Protein backbone atom coordinates (compact mmCIF):
# COMPACT_ATOMS: atom_id res chain seq x y z
CA MET A 1 -49.87 28.81 57.46
CA HIS A 2 -50.43 25.07 56.96
CA LEU A 3 -52.51 23.06 59.40
CA ARG A 4 -53.01 19.29 59.38
CA SER A 5 -56.79 19.17 59.19
CA PRO A 6 -58.43 21.32 58.25
CA ALA A 7 -55.64 22.77 56.15
CA ALA A 8 -55.79 26.51 55.72
CA TYR A 9 -53.81 29.15 53.91
CA ALA A 10 -54.32 32.89 53.80
CA THR A 11 -53.37 35.05 50.84
CA SER A 12 -54.08 38.78 50.83
CA ALA A 13 -57.48 39.03 52.44
CA LEU A 14 -58.64 35.55 51.42
CA LEU A 15 -58.56 32.44 53.56
CA ALA A 16 -59.12 28.97 52.11
CA ALA A 17 -59.69 25.84 54.17
CA ALA A 18 -59.60 22.18 53.17
CA ALA A 19 -61.38 19.58 55.30
CA ARG A 20 -61.51 15.82 54.99
CA GLY A 21 -64.71 14.39 53.55
CA ALA A 22 -65.66 17.55 51.66
CA THR A 23 -65.71 18.17 47.91
CA ARG A 24 -65.63 21.94 48.21
CA VAL A 25 -63.12 24.37 49.67
CA PRO A 26 -64.71 27.37 51.40
CA ILE A 27 -63.16 30.78 50.69
CA PHE A 28 -63.45 33.47 53.33
CA ASP A 29 -62.80 37.21 53.16
CA ALA A 30 -60.48 37.69 56.09
CA ALA A 31 -59.96 41.44 55.78
CA GLY A 32 -62.17 41.98 58.82
CA ALA A 33 -64.37 39.49 60.57
CA PRO A 34 -64.17 36.36 58.38
CA LYS A 35 -67.08 36.18 55.94
CA LEU A 36 -67.78 33.29 53.55
CA THR A 37 -67.43 34.62 50.00
CA GLY A 38 -67.84 31.37 48.09
CA THR A 39 -66.79 27.78 47.66
CA VAL A 40 -64.70 26.03 45.04
CA ARG A 41 -65.47 22.49 43.90
CA VAL A 42 -62.39 20.28 44.16
CA GLY A 43 -61.69 16.55 44.12
CA ALA A 44 -62.69 14.00 46.74
CA GLY A 45 -61.25 14.35 50.21
CA PRO A 46 -59.37 17.68 50.14
CA GLU A 47 -56.94 17.58 52.99
CA GLU A 48 -54.08 19.99 52.35
CA LEU A 49 -53.49 23.05 50.23
CA CYS A 50 -50.74 25.44 49.30
CA VAL A 51 -50.74 28.75 47.45
CA ALA A 52 -48.26 29.93 44.83
CA ALA A 53 -46.01 32.78 45.94
CA ASP A 54 -47.46 35.01 43.21
CA GLY A 55 -50.91 34.45 44.77
CA ASN A 56 -52.50 33.42 41.46
CA ARG A 57 -53.07 29.71 42.09
CA ALA A 58 -53.86 27.40 44.96
CA TYR A 59 -53.17 23.67 44.85
CA VAL A 60 -55.52 21.41 46.81
CA LEU A 61 -54.39 17.86 47.61
CA ASN A 62 -57.36 15.53 47.33
CA LYS A 63 -56.34 12.52 49.38
CA THR A 64 -59.37 10.36 48.60
CA GLY A 65 -59.37 11.40 44.94
CA HIS A 66 -55.59 10.87 44.57
CA SER A 67 -55.37 14.18 42.74
CA ILE A 68 -54.45 17.86 42.90
CA SER A 69 -57.05 20.52 42.11
CA VAL A 70 -55.55 23.67 40.60
CA VAL A 71 -57.60 26.70 41.69
CA ASP A 72 -57.46 30.12 40.05
CA VAL A 73 -57.50 32.44 43.05
CA ASP A 74 -58.96 35.43 41.17
CA SER A 75 -61.95 33.60 39.67
CA LEU A 76 -62.24 31.06 42.54
CA LYS A 77 -62.63 28.24 40.03
CA THR A 78 -60.85 24.93 39.62
CA THR A 79 -58.96 25.20 36.32
CA ALA A 80 -57.39 21.72 36.27
CA THR A 81 -57.36 18.44 38.11
CA VAL A 82 -54.03 16.65 38.12
CA THR A 83 -54.38 12.89 38.45
CA LEU A 84 -51.08 11.03 38.46
CA PRO A 85 -50.25 7.43 39.43
CA GLU A 86 -47.72 8.81 41.92
CA LEU A 87 -50.47 10.67 43.84
CA GLN A 88 -51.84 7.66 45.71
CA THR A 89 -51.22 9.22 49.12
CA PRO A 90 -50.65 12.99 48.90
CA GLU A 91 -49.83 14.30 52.38
CA ALA A 92 -48.60 17.90 52.13
CA CYS A 93 -47.47 20.47 49.58
CA ALA A 94 -45.44 23.60 49.08
CA VAL A 95 -44.93 25.84 46.07
CA GLY A 96 -41.51 27.13 45.05
CA SER A 97 -40.88 30.85 45.44
CA ASP A 98 -40.92 31.27 41.65
CA SER A 99 -44.34 29.51 41.50
CA LYS A 100 -43.00 27.12 38.82
CA GLU A 101 -42.95 23.91 40.85
CA ILE A 102 -45.20 22.22 43.37
CA TYR A 103 -43.55 19.96 45.94
CA VAL A 104 -45.86 17.15 47.05
CA VAL A 105 -45.15 14.80 49.96
CA VAL A 106 -46.32 11.26 49.15
CA ALA A 107 -46.06 7.91 50.99
CA GLU A 108 -42.32 7.38 50.60
CA GLY A 109 -40.93 10.51 49.03
CA LEU A 110 -41.31 13.89 47.44
CA LEU A 111 -42.72 14.63 44.00
CA ILE A 112 -41.75 17.77 42.13
CA VAL A 113 -44.57 18.73 39.77
CA SER A 114 -44.28 21.37 37.04
CA ALA A 115 -46.93 24.07 37.48
CA ALA A 116 -46.83 24.69 33.72
CA THR A 117 -47.43 21.11 32.58
CA ASN A 118 -48.96 19.50 35.71
CA ARG A 119 -46.53 16.59 35.26
CA VAL A 120 -44.02 15.06 37.64
CA VAL A 121 -40.53 16.30 36.73
CA GLN A 122 -38.70 14.55 39.55
CA GLU A 123 -39.43 11.91 42.18
CA LEU A 124 -37.24 11.78 45.27
CA PRO A 125 -37.48 8.58 47.36
CA LEU A 126 -36.97 9.76 50.95
CA GLY A 127 -38.41 6.90 52.99
CA LYS A 128 -41.65 6.32 54.85
CA GLY A 129 -43.56 8.69 57.08
CA LEU A 130 -42.97 12.08 55.48
CA THR A 131 -45.54 14.59 56.73
CA ARG A 132 -44.48 18.14 55.76
CA VAL A 133 -42.19 20.05 53.41
CA VAL A 134 -40.95 23.63 53.26
CA ILE A 135 -38.91 25.01 50.36
CA SER A 136 -36.19 27.61 50.95
CA PRO A 137 -36.81 31.03 49.34
CA ASP A 138 -34.02 30.42 46.79
CA GLY A 139 -35.50 27.01 45.89
CA ARG A 140 -32.23 25.19 46.54
CA ARG A 141 -33.27 23.31 49.67
CA ALA A 142 -36.25 21.38 50.92
CA VAL A 143 -36.80 20.76 54.60
CA TYR A 144 -39.08 17.86 55.38
CA TRP A 145 -40.49 16.21 58.47
CA THR A 146 -40.88 12.49 59.01
CA LEU A 147 -42.70 10.38 61.58
CA TYR A 148 -39.97 7.77 61.69
CA PRO A 149 -36.36 8.19 62.80
CA ARG A 150 -33.77 7.96 60.04
CA PRO A 151 -31.27 5.09 60.29
CA ALA A 152 -27.82 6.18 61.45
């Protein structure tokens, strides 16, 4: 489940939430009544997050910090911070079903980032106003939402 702000995603019995203005992402045990189990330090202004299909990693988009924090879900620690020139305005993310690629919506397109190298492998210019992306289970299609109508 992705929400605009705060962003939240549940995996197994854990729930993580990202809220603007924070530098930590709270992690809740959601097996019963939600209980705070810890926090993970991330970059400035976490706004969105997505979790790999294998459940091992979460990717937190730090809008103010223009970066992605890579969080190990088992240890609840940030293992890497990806800072790329293309990440000036990260808006939303999704992880491919094979957990090998992260799809990041930016100001005028979609970045495909390798989960192994934390580098952009492809940049797709799709126009202004993109807000969300969902990747098909087979990884062959991306569905994205935009605020502006497409020219005919």
